[in-house]
Amino acid sequence: MMLLEILKFILPSLVVFFTAYFVLKQVFDKHSEQQQNILIGETKKENVKLLTPLRLQAYERMVLYLERIAPANLILRQNQSGLTVFQLQTRLIQSIREEFEHNLSQQLYISSSVWDQIANTKEEVVRLINTSASQLKSDDASLKLGQLIINTEKTFKKPIVRTAIENLKAEMEQKLG
């Protein structure tokens, strides 16, 4: 009998306690989730603030790279009087590869498709240089190689680097506004 009297008070108290516990737990969980979402949102905003200048710099550097490996620009920078076809060919290819390696980290900030296009453009320029050099004697004057490369590129619909630069610019506008 005494047990029934005690249960009359304890059972409703336990029901109220567990109800209050679960209601408060849901409220706290929801509040915690909201705080976490706010924190994630703030972190994303901070990341955007930090990454935007890095992305912009990556686009700038890759456009500069593409302009530097444009055959006419490359030849103007690398050709010197007294060089042979073989020497100029070697200098041109070495310059292209060194600059590419110097900019490898930029692929973190641009899309894979645009990066692949930049790499393919680099290979097209190297192929143009090698193909042109193979048509000449290796000890001919470097001026012949420079002229042949420039004249061969003029036969293309578009300069080799132009499409890659246009795609870089389009991606930059899309991602950075």
N, C-alpha and C. Protein backbone atom coordinates (compact mmCIF):
# COMPACT_ATOMS: atom_id res chain seq x y z
N MET A 1 0.82 -1.18 0.00
CA MET A 1 0.00 0.00 0.00
C MET A 1 0.87 1.26 0.00
N MET A 2 1.87 1.21 0.80
CA MET A 2 2.77 2.33 0.90
C MET A 2 3.50 2.53 -0.43
N LEU A 3 3.80 1.40 -1.06
CA LEU A 3 4.48 1.45 -2.34
C LEU A 3 3.60 2.13 -3.39
N LEU A 4 2.31 1.85 -3.36
CA LEU A 4 1.38 2.49 -4.28
C LEU A 4 1.32 3.99 -4.05
N GLU A 5 1.35 4.39 -2.82
CA GLU A 5 1.32 5.81 -2.50
C GLU A 5 2.57 6.50 -3.03
N ILE A 6 3.70 5.85 -2.87
CA ILE A 6 4.97 6.43 -3.34
C ILE A 6 4.96 6.49 -4.87
N LEU A 7 4.46 5.42 -5.51
CA LEU A 7 4.41 5.39 -6.97
C LEU A 7 3.49 6.45 -7.53
N LYS A 8 2.42 6.81 -6.79
CA LYS A 8 1.51 7.87 -7.24
C LYS A 8 2.26 9.18 -7.44
N PHE A 9 3.26 9.42 -6.61
CA PHE A 9 4.02 10.67 -6.72
C PHE A 9 5.23 10.53 -7.65
N ILE A 10 5.86 9.39 -7.59
CA ILE A 10 7.09 9.21 -8.35
C ILE A 10 6.81 9.06 -9.85
N LEU A 11 5.80 8.28 -10.22
CA LEU A 11 5.51 8.05 -11.63
C LEU A 11 5.20 9.34 -12.39
N PRO A 12 4.28 10.17 -11.91
CA PRO A 12 4.04 11.43 -12.64
C PRO A 12 5.29 12.32 -12.66
N SER A 13 6.05 12.29 -11.59
CA SER A 13 7.27 13.10 -11.55
C SER A 13 8.27 12.62 -12.60
N LEU A 14 8.39 11.29 -12.73
CA LEU A 14 9.29 10.74 -13.74
C LEU A 14 8.83 11.08 -15.15
N VAL A 15 7.52 11.01 -15.39
CA VAL A 15 6.97 11.36 -16.70
C VAL A 15 7.28 12.82 -17.01
N VAL A 16 7.04 13.70 -16.05
CA VAL A 16 7.32 15.13 -16.25
C VAL A 16 8.82 15.34 -16.47
N PHE A 17 9.63 14.67 -15.68
CA PHE A 17 11.08 14.82 -15.80
C PHE A 17 11.57 14.40 -17.19
N PHE A 18 11.16 13.20 -17.65
CA PHE A 18 11.62 12.72 -18.95
C PHE A 18 11.06 13.56 -20.10
N THR A 19 9.84 14.01 -19.96
CA THR A 19 9.26 14.89 -20.98
C THR A 19 10.07 16.18 -21.07
N ALA A 20 10.32 16.78 -19.91
CA ALA A 20 11.10 18.01 -19.89
C ALA A 20 12.51 17.77 -20.43
N TYR A 21 13.11 16.64 -20.06
CA TYR A 21 14.45 16.32 -20.52
C TYR A 21 14.50 16.23 -22.05
N PHE A 22 13.57 15.49 -22.65
CA PHE A 22 13.59 15.32 -24.10
C PHE A 22 13.25 16.61 -24.83
N VAL A 23 12.35 17.40 -24.29
CA VAL A 23 12.02 18.69 -24.92
C VAL A 23 13.24 19.61 -24.87
N LEU A 24 13.87 19.71 -23.70
CA LEU A 24 15.05 20.56 -23.57
C LEU A 24 16.21 20.04 -24.42
N LYS A 25 16.35 18.73 -24.49
CA LYS A 25 17.42 18.15 -25.32
C LYS A 25 17.23 18.54 -26.78
N GLN A 26 15.99 18.46 -27.27
CA GLN A 26 15.72 18.85 -28.65
C GLN A 26 16.01 20.33 -28.87
N VAL A 27 15.61 21.15 -27.92
CA VAL A 27 15.86 22.59 -28.04
C VAL A 27 17.37 22.86 -28.07
N PHE A 28 18.11 22.25 -27.17
CA PHE A 28 19.56 22.45 -27.13
C PHE A 28 20.23 21.89 -28.39
N ASP A 29 19.78 20.73 -28.85
CA ASP A 29 20.36 20.15 -30.06
C ASP A 29 20.12 21.06 -31.27
N LYS A 30 18.89 21.57 -31.37
CA LYS A 30 18.55 22.46 -32.47
C LYS A 30 19.39 23.73 -32.40
N HIS A 31 19.52 24.28 -31.19
CA HIS A 31 20.31 25.49 -31.00
C HIS A 31 21.78 25.22 -31.35
N SER A 32 22.29 24.08 -30.92
CA SER A 32 23.67 23.70 -31.21
C SER A 32 23.88 23.55 -32.72
N GLU A 33 22.92 22.95 -33.39
CA GLU A 33 23.00 22.77 -34.85
C GLU A 33 22.99 24.13 -35.55
N GLN A 34 22.13 25.04 -35.08
CA GLN A 34 22.08 26.38 -35.67
C GLN A 34 23.41 27.10 -35.47
N GLN A 35 23.98 26.99 -34.28
CA GLN A 35 25.27 27.62 -34.01
C GLN A 35 26.36 27.04 -34.92
N GLN A 36 26.30 25.73 -35.11
CA GLN A 36 27.28 25.07 -35.96
C GLN A 36 27.13 25.54 -37.41
N ASN A 37 25.88 25.66 -37.88
CA ASN A 37 25.64 26.15 -39.23
C ASN A 37 26.13 27.58 -39.40
N ILE A 38 25.91 28.40 -38.39
CA ILE A 38 26.39 29.78 -38.44
C ILE A 38 27.91 29.80 -38.52
N LEU A 39 28.55 28.97 -37.71
CA LEU A 39 30.01 28.89 -37.70
C LEU A 39 30.54 28.41 -39.05
N ILE A 40 29.88 27.41 -39.62
CA ILE A 40 30.28 26.90 -40.94
C ILE A 40 30.13 28.00 -41.99
N GLY A 41 29.01 28.73 -41.93
CA GLY A 41 28.79 29.83 -42.87
C GLY A 41 29.85 30.90 -42.75
N GLU A 42 30.20 31.25 -41.51
CA GLU A 42 31.24 32.26 -41.30
C GLU A 42 32.60 31.76 -41.79
N THR A 43 32.87 30.48 -41.58
CA THR A 43 34.13 29.90 -42.04
C THR A 43 34.20 29.93 -43.56
N LYS A 44 33.08 29.61 -44.21
CA LYS A 44 33.05 29.65 -45.67
C LYS A 44 33.29 31.06 -46.18
N LYS A 45 32.67 32.05 -45.52
CA LYS A 45 32.88 33.45 -45.92
C LYS A 45 34.34 33.84 -45.76
N GLU A 46 34.96 33.41 -44.67
CA GLU A 46 36.38 33.70 -44.44
C GLU A 46 37.23 33.04 -45.51
N ASN A 47 36.90 31.79 -45.84
CA ASN A 47 37.65 31.08 -46.88
C ASN A 47 37.54 31.79 -48.21
N VAL A 48 36.34 32.26 -48.54
CA VAL A 48 36.15 32.99 -49.79
C VAL A 48 37.00 34.26 -49.79
N LYS A 49 37.01 34.96 -48.65
CA LYS A 49 37.83 36.18 -48.55
C LYS A 49 39.31 35.87 -48.76
N LEU A 50 39.76 34.74 -48.21
CA LEU A 50 41.17 34.38 -48.34
C LEU A 50 41.50 33.82 -49.72
N LEU A 51 40.58 33.02 -50.28
CA LEU A 51 40.86 32.36 -51.55
C LEU A 51 40.69 33.25 -52.77
N THR A 52 39.82 34.23 -52.69
CA THR A 52 39.56 35.07 -53.85
C THR A 52 40.83 35.74 -54.37
N PRO A 53 41.62 36.38 -53.52
CA PRO A 53 42.86 36.97 -54.05
C PRO A 53 43.83 35.92 -54.61
N LEU A 54 43.86 34.74 -53.99
CA LEU A 54 44.75 33.69 -54.50
C LEU A 54 44.28 33.18 -55.85
N ARG A 55 42.96 33.04 -56.00
CA ARG A 55 42.42 32.60 -57.30
C ARG A 55 42.70 33.64 -58.37
N LEU A 56 42.46 34.90 -58.03
CA LEU A 56 42.71 35.97 -58.98
C LEU A 56 44.18 35.97 -59.40
N GLN A 57 45.06 35.81 -58.44
CA GLN A 57 46.49 35.76 -58.74
C GLN A 57 46.81 34.56 -59.63
N ALA A 58 46.17 33.43 -59.38
CA ALA A 58 46.41 32.24 -60.21
C ALA A 58 45.98 32.50 -61.66
N TYR A 59 44.82 33.11 -61.84
CA TYR A 59 44.37 33.42 -63.20
C TYR A 59 45.35 34.38 -63.87
N GLU A 60 45.78 35.39 -63.12
CA GLU A 60 46.74 36.35 -63.69
C GLU A 60 48.04 35.66 -64.09
N ARG A 61 48.54 34.83 -63.21
CA ARG A 61 49.81 34.16 -63.48
C ARG A 61 49.71 33.22 -64.67
N MET A 62 48.58 32.54 -64.81
CA MET A 62 48.45 31.60 -65.92
C MET A 62 48.24 32.34 -67.24
N VAL A 63 47.56 33.47 -67.22
CA VAL A 63 47.45 34.27 -68.45
C VAL A 63 48.84 34.78 -68.83
N LEU A 64 49.59 35.25 -67.84
CA LEU A 64 50.95 35.71 -68.10
C LEU A 64 51.81 34.57 -68.66
N TYR A 65 51.67 33.39 -68.08
CA TYR A 65 52.42 32.23 -68.59
C TYR A 65 52.07 31.97 -70.05
N LEU A 66 50.78 31.95 -70.35
CA LEU A 66 50.37 31.67 -71.73
C LEU A 66 50.88 32.75 -72.69
N GLU A 67 50.84 34.00 -72.25
CA GLU A 67 51.37 35.07 -73.10
C GLU A 67 52.87 34.91 -73.30
N ARG A 68 53.55 34.47 -72.27
CA ARG A 68 55.01 34.31 -72.36
C ARG A 68 55.40 33.14 -73.26
N ILE A 69 54.54 32.11 -73.35
CA ILE A 69 54.89 30.98 -74.22
C ILE A 69 54.29 31.11 -75.62
N ALA A 70 53.59 32.21 -75.87
CA ALA A 70 53.13 32.45 -77.24
C ALA A 70 54.39 32.48 -78.11
N PRO A 71 54.40 31.75 -79.20
CA PRO A 71 55.64 31.60 -79.98
C PRO A 71 56.37 32.91 -80.30
N ALA A 72 55.67 33.93 -80.75
CA ALA A 72 56.35 35.18 -81.10
C ALA A 72 57.01 35.82 -79.88
N ASN A 73 56.30 35.84 -78.76
CA ASN A 73 56.86 36.43 -77.53
C ASN A 73 58.06 35.62 -77.04
N LEU A 74 57.92 34.33 -77.09
CA LEU A 74 58.98 33.43 -76.62
C LEU A 74 60.25 33.60 -77.46
N ILE A 75 60.07 33.68 -78.76
CA ILE A 75 61.22 33.83 -79.65
C ILE A 75 61.91 35.17 -79.42
N LEU A 76 61.11 36.23 -79.27
CA LEU A 76 61.70 37.55 -79.02
C LEU A 76 62.55 37.55 -77.75
N ARG A 77 62.09 36.85 -76.73
CA ARG A 77 62.81 36.82 -75.45
C ARG A 77 64.04 35.93 -75.50
N GLN A 78 63.97 34.83 -76.22
CA GLN A 78 65.03 33.82 -76.13
C GLN A 78 66.06 33.87 -77.26
N ASN A 79 65.70 34.42 -78.39
CA ASN A 79 66.63 34.39 -79.52
C ASN A 79 67.73 35.45 -79.35
N GLN A 80 68.93 35.04 -79.66
CA GLN A 80 70.09 35.94 -79.66
C GLN A 80 70.89 35.66 -80.92
N SER A 81 71.55 36.68 -81.39
CA SER A 81 72.36 36.46 -82.59
C SER A 81 73.47 35.47 -82.27
N GLY A 82 73.79 34.67 -83.25
CA GLY A 82 74.85 33.68 -83.08
C GLY A 82 74.36 32.31 -82.63
N LEU A 83 73.08 32.19 -82.27
CA LEU A 83 72.54 30.89 -81.86
C LEU A 83 72.23 30.05 -83.09
N THR A 84 72.30 28.75 -82.92
CA THR A 84 71.90 27.83 -83.99
C THR A 84 70.45 27.41 -83.76
N VAL A 85 69.90 26.72 -84.74
CA VAL A 85 68.54 26.19 -84.62
C VAL A 85 68.44 25.30 -83.38
N PHE A 86 69.39 24.41 -83.22
CA PHE A 86 69.37 23.49 -82.08
C PHE A 86 69.42 24.24 -80.75
N GLN A 87 70.28 25.24 -80.67
CA GLN A 87 70.41 26.01 -79.42
C GLN A 87 69.13 26.77 -79.10
N LEU A 88 68.54 27.39 -80.12
CA LEU A 88 67.28 28.12 -79.88
C LEU A 88 66.17 27.16 -79.51
N GLN A 89 66.08 26.04 -80.21
CA GLN A 89 65.06 25.03 -79.89
C GLN A 89 65.19 24.62 -78.42
N THR A 90 66.39 24.34 -78.00
CA THR A 90 66.63 23.93 -76.61
C THR A 90 66.23 25.03 -75.63
N ARG A 91 66.61 26.26 -75.92
CA ARG A 91 66.27 27.38 -75.03
C ARG A 91 64.76 27.59 -74.94
N LEU A 92 64.09 27.51 -76.08
CA LEU A 92 62.64 27.73 -76.10
C LEU A 92 61.93 26.68 -75.25
N ILE A 93 62.27 25.43 -75.48
CA ILE A 93 61.61 24.34 -74.75
C ILE A 93 61.95 24.40 -73.26
N GLN A 94 63.18 24.68 -72.96
CA GLN A 94 63.59 24.79 -71.55
C GLN A 94 62.83 25.92 -70.86
N SER A 95 62.69 27.04 -71.52
CA SER A 95 61.96 28.18 -70.95
C SER A 95 60.50 27.82 -70.69
N ILE A 96 59.87 27.17 -71.65
CA ILE A 96 58.46 26.76 -71.51
C ILE A 96 58.30 25.84 -70.31
N ARG A 97 59.16 24.84 -70.22
CA ARG A 97 59.04 23.85 -69.14
C ARG A 97 59.36 24.44 -67.77
N GLU A 98 60.36 25.30 -67.70
CA GLU A 98 60.70 25.92 -66.41
C GLU A 98 59.56 26.79 -65.91
N GLU A 99 59.00 27.58 -66.81
CA GLU A 99 57.89 28.45 -66.39
C GLU A 99 56.67 27.63 -66.00
N PHE A 100 56.43 26.55 -66.70
CA PHE A 100 55.30 25.69 -66.36
C PHE A 100 55.49 25.09 -64.97
N GLU A 101 56.68 24.57 -64.72
CA GLU A 101 56.98 24.00 -63.41
C GLU A 101 56.87 25.05 -62.31
N HIS A 102 57.26 26.26 -62.62
CA HIS A 102 57.18 27.36 -61.65
C HIS A 102 55.72 27.66 -61.28
N ASN A 103 54.81 27.38 -62.19
CA ASN A 103 53.39 27.69 -61.98
C ASN A 103 52.54 26.47 -61.64
N LEU A 104 53.14 25.34 -61.36
CA LEU A 104 52.37 24.12 -61.08
C LEU A 104 51.37 24.29 -59.93
N SER A 105 51.72 25.03 -58.92
CA SER A 105 50.83 25.17 -57.76
C SER A 105 49.55 25.93 -58.10
N GLN A 106 49.52 26.63 -59.21
CA GLN A 106 48.34 27.41 -59.57
C GLN A 106 47.15 26.52 -59.92
N GLN A 107 47.41 25.24 -60.20
CA GLN A 107 46.31 24.34 -60.54
C GLN A 107 45.36 24.14 -59.37
N LEU A 108 45.78 24.50 -58.16
CA LEU A 108 44.90 24.41 -57.00
C LEU A 108 43.73 25.38 -57.10
N TYR A 109 43.90 26.45 -57.84
CA TYR A 109 42.92 27.54 -57.83
C TYR A 109 42.12 27.65 -59.11
N ILE A 110 42.42 26.84 -60.11
CA ILE A 110 41.65 26.87 -61.35
C ILE A 110 41.09 25.48 -61.61
N SER A 111 40.09 25.41 -62.47
CA SER A 111 39.44 24.11 -62.72
C SER A 111 40.38 23.15 -63.44
N SER A 112 40.09 21.87 -63.28
CA SER A 112 40.90 20.84 -63.93
C SER A 112 40.85 20.95 -65.45
N SER A 113 39.68 21.28 -65.97
CA SER A 113 39.56 21.35 -67.43
C SER A 113 40.41 22.49 -68.00
N VAL A 114 40.41 23.64 -67.33
CA VAL A 114 41.23 24.76 -67.81
C VAL A 114 42.71 24.45 -67.61
N TRP A 115 43.04 23.81 -66.49
CA TRP A 115 44.44 23.43 -66.27
C TRP A 115 44.91 22.46 -67.36
N ASP A 116 44.08 21.49 -67.69
CA ASP A 116 44.43 20.54 -68.75
C ASP A 116 44.63 21.26 -70.08
N GLN A 117 43.80 22.25 -70.32
CA GLN A 117 43.93 23.00 -71.56
C GLN A 117 45.25 23.79 -71.59
N ILE A 118 45.64 24.33 -70.45
CA ILE A 118 46.92 25.04 -70.38
C ILE A 118 48.07 24.06 -70.64
N ALA A 119 48.01 22.89 -70.02
CA ALA A 119 49.05 21.87 -70.24
C ALA A 119 49.08 21.44 -71.70
N ASN A 120 47.90 21.27 -72.31
CA ASN A 120 47.85 20.89 -73.73
C ASN A 120 48.41 21.99 -74.61
N THR A 121 48.12 23.24 -74.26
CA THR A 121 48.65 24.38 -75.02
C THR A 121 50.17 24.39 -74.96
N LYS A 122 50.70 24.14 -73.78
CA LYS A 122 52.16 24.06 -73.61
C LYS A 122 52.72 22.99 -74.55
N GLU A 123 52.08 21.83 -74.57
CA GLU A 123 52.56 20.74 -75.43
C GLU A 123 52.43 21.09 -76.91
N GLU A 124 51.38 21.83 -77.28
CA GLU A 124 51.22 22.25 -78.68
C GLU A 124 52.35 23.18 -79.09
N VAL A 125 52.72 24.10 -78.21
CA VAL A 125 53.81 25.02 -78.51
C VAL A 125 55.13 24.24 -78.65
N VAL A 126 55.37 23.32 -77.74
CA VAL A 126 56.59 22.49 -77.82
C VAL A 126 56.59 21.69 -79.13
N ARG A 127 55.43 21.14 -79.48
CA ARG A 127 55.33 20.36 -80.72
C ARG A 127 55.61 21.25 -81.94
N LEU A 128 55.09 22.47 -81.94
CA LEU A 128 55.34 23.41 -83.04
C LEU A 128 56.84 23.71 -83.15
N ILE A 129 57.47 23.93 -82.02
CA ILE A 129 58.92 24.21 -82.02
C ILE A 129 59.69 23.00 -82.57
N ASN A 130 59.38 21.82 -82.07
CA ASN A 130 60.10 20.61 -82.50
C ASN A 130 59.85 20.29 -83.98
N THR A 131 58.60 20.43 -84.41
CA THR A 131 58.27 20.17 -85.81
C THR A 131 59.00 21.15 -86.72
N SER A 132 59.00 22.41 -86.33
CA SER A 132 59.69 23.42 -87.14
C SER A 132 61.19 23.16 -87.17
N ALA A 133 61.76 22.83 -86.02
CA ALA A 133 63.21 22.58 -85.95
C ALA A 133 63.59 21.36 -86.79
N SER A 134 62.71 20.38 -86.86
CA SER A 134 63.03 19.17 -87.63
C SER A 134 63.07 19.44 -89.13
N GLN A 135 62.53 20.56 -89.56
CA GLN A 135 62.54 20.91 -90.98
C GLN A 135 63.81 21.67 -91.38
N LEU A 136 64.63 21.99 -90.39
CA LEU A 136 65.85 22.76 -90.65
C LEU A 136 67.07 21.96 -90.21
N LYS A 137 68.23 22.41 -90.64
CA LYS A 137 69.47 21.80 -90.16
C LYS A 137 69.74 22.34 -88.76
N SER A 138 70.25 21.50 -87.90
CA SER A 138 70.45 21.91 -86.51
C SER A 138 71.49 23.02 -86.35
N ASP A 139 72.38 23.18 -87.34
CA ASP A 139 73.39 24.24 -87.22
C ASP A 139 73.05 25.48 -88.05
N ASP A 140 71.82 25.53 -88.61
CA ASP A 140 71.37 26.75 -89.29
C ASP A 140 71.23 27.88 -88.27
N ALA A 141 71.16 29.09 -88.77
CA ALA A 141 70.98 30.26 -87.89
C ALA A 141 69.61 30.19 -87.22
N SER A 142 69.57 30.58 -85.96
CA SER A 142 68.32 30.51 -85.18
C SER A 142 67.22 31.37 -85.78
N LEU A 143 67.60 32.40 -86.52
CA LEU A 143 66.61 33.28 -87.14
C LEU A 143 65.67 32.50 -88.05
N LYS A 144 66.20 31.49 -88.74
CA LYS A 144 65.37 30.66 -89.62
C LYS A 144 64.29 29.92 -88.81
N LEU A 145 64.68 29.39 -87.66
CA LEU A 145 63.71 28.68 -86.82
C LEU A 145 62.64 29.64 -86.32
N GLY A 146 63.05 30.80 -85.86
CA GLY A 146 62.09 31.78 -85.37
C GLY A 146 61.08 32.16 -86.44
N GLN A 147 61.56 32.41 -87.65
CA GLN A 147 60.68 32.78 -88.75
C GLN A 147 59.74 31.63 -89.11
N LEU A 148 60.28 30.42 -89.15
CA LEU A 148 59.45 29.26 -89.51
C LEU A 148 58.35 29.04 -88.47
N ILE A 149 58.68 29.15 -87.20
CA ILE A 149 57.67 28.97 -86.14
C ILE A 149 56.58 30.01 -86.27
N ILE A 150 56.97 31.27 -86.42
CA ILE A 150 55.98 32.36 -86.51
C ILE A 150 55.12 32.20 -87.76
N ASN A 151 55.74 31.88 -88.89
CA ASN A 151 54.98 31.70 -90.13
C ASN A 151 54.05 30.50 -90.06
N THR A 152 54.49 29.43 -89.42
CA THR A 152 53.63 28.25 -89.27
C THR A 152 52.44 28.58 -88.39
N GLU A 153 52.66 29.29 -87.31
CA GLU A 153 51.54 29.64 -86.42
C GLU A 153 50.54 30.55 -87.14
N LYS A 154 51.00 31.38 -88.04
CA LYS A 154 50.10 32.27 -88.78
C LYS A 154 49.11 31.48 -89.65
N THR A 155 49.45 30.24 -89.98
CA THR A 155 48.55 29.42 -90.80
C THR A 155 47.40 28.83 -89.98
N PHE A 156 47.51 28.89 -88.65
CA PHE A 156 46.45 28.37 -87.78
C PHE A 156 45.28 29.34 -87.76
N LYS A 157 44.08 28.81 -87.48
CA LYS A 157 42.90 29.66 -87.37
C LYS A 157 43.06 30.72 -86.29
N LYS A 158 43.64 30.30 -85.18
CA LYS A 158 43.81 31.14 -84.00
C LYS A 158 45.20 30.92 -83.45
N PRO A 159 45.80 31.96 -82.87
CA PRO A 159 47.09 31.71 -82.20
C PRO A 159 46.94 30.59 -81.16
N ILE A 160 47.98 29.81 -80.99
CA ILE A 160 47.92 28.62 -80.14
C ILE A 160 47.40 28.92 -78.74
N VAL A 161 47.86 30.00 -78.14
CA VAL A 161 47.52 30.27 -76.74
C VAL A 161 46.17 30.97 -76.58
N ARG A 162 45.58 31.48 -77.64
CA ARG A 162 44.38 32.32 -77.55
C ARG A 162 43.20 31.60 -76.89
N THR A 163 42.90 30.38 -77.30
CA THR A 163 41.74 29.66 -76.74
C THR A 163 41.91 29.42 -75.24
N ALA A 164 43.10 29.04 -74.83
CA ALA A 164 43.34 28.81 -73.40
C ALA A 164 43.17 30.10 -72.61
N ILE A 165 43.64 31.22 -73.14
CA ILE A 165 43.48 32.50 -72.45
C ILE A 165 42.01 32.88 -72.37
N GLU A 166 41.28 32.68 -73.45
CA GLU A 166 39.85 33.00 -73.44
C GLU A 166 39.11 32.15 -72.41
N ASN A 167 39.44 30.88 -72.32
CA ASN A 167 38.78 30.00 -71.34
C ASN A 167 39.17 30.37 -69.91
N LEU A 168 40.40 30.77 -69.70
CA LEU A 168 40.82 31.24 -68.37
C LEU A 168 40.02 32.47 -67.96
N LYS A 169 39.89 33.41 -68.89
CA LYS A 169 39.13 34.63 -68.60
C LYS A 169 37.66 34.31 -68.32
N ALA A 170 37.08 33.43 -69.11
CA ALA A 170 35.67 33.06 -68.91
C ALA A 170 35.47 32.41 -67.55
N GLU A 171 36.36 31.52 -67.18
CA GLU A 171 36.24 30.86 -65.87
C GLU A 171 36.42 31.88 -64.74
N MET A 172 37.34 32.80 -64.91
CA MET A 172 37.56 33.81 -63.88
C MET A 172 36.30 34.67 -63.69
N GLU A 173 35.70 35.08 -64.79
CA GLU A 173 34.47 35.89 -64.71
C GLU A 173 33.35 35.10 -64.05
N GLN A 174 33.25 33.82 -64.37
CA GLN A 174 32.21 32.98 -63.80
C GLN A 174 32.41 32.79 -62.30
N LYS A 175 33.63 32.52 -61.88
CA LYS A 175 33.89 32.23 -60.47
C LYS A 175 34.05 33.46 -59.61
N LEU A 176 34.60 34.52 -60.17
CA LEU A 176 34.89 35.70 -59.36
C LEU A 176 33.97 36.87 -59.65
N GLY A 177 33.12 36.72 -60.65
CA GLY A 177 32.14 37.77 -60.93
C GLY A 177 32.64 38.81 -61.77
